[in-house]
Amino acid sequence: MGRPANFRVQPGHILPQMGGMTGRGAGMDGVQPDSVETQSLLLQADSGDRQAFEELWARHRGALRRAVELRLDAQLSARVDPSDVVQETQLEAFQRLP
């Protein structure tokens, strides 16, 4: 499975382009820009550096789990564990790397 063509990390962008949104000016109130170190890790991961990917994932796993947990419908959360959703997301993200 290949990576979408719009999944490219550009220097100065906070997030990869996804759904027509870029990190800057994407209308995400309260979201702080990524640090220079995080941007560097994103570039490294985009170049196929597995260690950089793992570091990024370790930094953001907890926040991703909380986001999934908050957004799961009550009926769905009785059947689906947020950690499983995050793990599946990690696998798909890794498979999309070069």
Protein backbone atom coordinates (compact mmCIF):
# COMPACT_ATOMS: atom_id res chain seq x y z
CA MET A 1 0.00 0.00 0.00
CA GLY A 2 1.53 3.28 -1.08
CA ARG A 3 1.53 6.63 0.58
CA PRO A 4 -0.97 9.26 -0.69
CA ALA A 5 0.64 11.76 -3.03
CA ASN A 6 -0.31 14.66 -0.73
CA PHE A 7 1.54 13.14 2.25
CA ARG A 8 4.73 15.18 2.05
CA VAL A 9 6.49 17.00 4.85
CA GLN A 10 7.70 20.43 3.80
CA PRO A 11 10.11 22.48 5.92
CA GLY A 12 8.11 25.07 7.82
CA HIS A 13 4.87 23.10 7.76
CA ILE A 14 3.54 21.92 11.09
CA LEU A 15 1.79 18.86 9.71
CA PRO A 16 1.90 16.93 6.46
CA GLN A 17 -0.77 18.09 4.02
CA MET A 18 -3.89 16.11 4.70
CA GLY A 19 -7.35 16.75 3.36
CA GLY A 20 -6.29 20.07 1.90
CA MET A 21 -5.05 21.39 5.23
CA THR A 22 -1.54 22.47 6.00
CA GLY A 23 -0.10 23.03 9.42
CA ARG A 24 0.04 26.80 9.13
CA GLY A 25 -3.27 28.60 9.20
CA ALA A 26 -5.26 25.38 9.22
CA GLY A 27 -7.77 26.82 11.66
CA MET A 28 -6.83 24.60 14.58
CA ASP A 29 -7.23 26.96 17.52
CA GLY A 30 -4.99 26.14 20.45
CA VAL A 31 -2.62 23.94 18.48
CA GLN A 32 0.98 24.97 18.96
CA PRO A 33 3.52 24.75 16.13
CA ASP A 34 5.77 21.72 16.20
CA SER A 35 9.26 22.24 17.53
CA VAL A 36 12.22 22.34 15.17
CA GLU A 37 13.18 18.92 16.54
CA THR A 38 9.75 17.47 15.70
CA GLN A 39 9.89 18.97 12.21
CA SER A 40 13.32 17.41 11.76
CA LEU A 41 12.00 14.02 12.90
CA LEU A 42 9.11 14.34 10.44
CA LEU A 43 11.54 14.95 7.59
CA GLN A 44 13.70 12.02 8.69
CA ALA A 45 10.69 9.71 8.99
CA ASP A 46 9.49 10.83 5.56
CA SER A 47 12.90 9.77 4.22
CA GLY A 48 12.42 6.27 5.64
CA ASP A 49 14.17 6.64 9.02
CA ARG A 50 12.39 4.08 11.20
CA GLN A 51 14.00 5.34 14.41
CA ALA A 52 12.68 8.86 13.75
CA PHE A 53 9.20 7.41 13.13
CA GLU A 54 9.33 5.48 16.41
CA GLU A 55 10.46 8.60 18.30
CA LEU A 56 7.59 10.64 16.85
CA TRP A 57 5.12 7.90 17.66
CA ALA A 58 6.38 7.60 21.25
CA ARG A 59 5.98 11.36 21.72
CA HIS A 60 2.42 11.50 20.41
CA ARG A 61 0.89 8.10 21.24
CA GLY A 62 -0.74 9.27 24.47
CA ALA A 63 -2.33 12.32 22.89
CA LEU A 64 -3.61 10.23 19.98
CA ARG A 65 -5.12 7.69 22.36
CA ARG A 66 -6.88 10.44 24.32
CA ALA A 67 -8.20 11.98 21.10
CA VAL A 68 -9.60 8.63 19.95
CA GLU A 69 -11.06 7.96 23.39
CA LEU A 70 -12.85 11.33 23.42
CA ARG A 71 -14.31 10.86 19.95
CA LEU A 72 -15.55 7.28 20.19
CA ASP A 73 -19.32 6.97 20.34
CA ALA A 74 -20.54 5.42 23.62
CA GLN A 75 -21.88 2.31 21.87
CA LEU A 76 -18.71 1.88 19.86
CA SER A 77 -16.42 2.42 22.84
CA ALA A 78 -18.05 -0.58 24.52
CA ARG A 79 -16.70 -2.76 21.69
CA VAL A 80 -13.52 -0.97 20.56
CA ASP A 81 -10.49 -0.12 22.69
CA PRO A 82 -8.85 3.22 21.83
CA SER A 83 -5.42 1.58 22.10
CA ASP A 84 -6.38 -0.82 19.30
CA VAL A 85 -7.35 2.10 17.06
CA VAL A 86 -4.03 3.84 17.80
CA GLN A 87 -2.07 0.64 17.13
CA GLU A 88 -3.82 0.13 13.78
CA THR A 89 -3.12 3.77 12.93
CA GLN A 90 0.55 3.32 13.78
CA LEU A 91 0.79 0.29 11.53
CA GLU A 92 -0.88 2.08 8.62
CA ALA A 93 1.29 5.18 9.09
CA PHE A 94 4.44 3.04 9.10
CA GLN A 95 3.34 1.18 5.96
CA ARG A 96 2.91 4.51 4.17
CA LEU A 97 6.52 5.51 4.76
CA PRO A 98 8.95 5.06 1.85
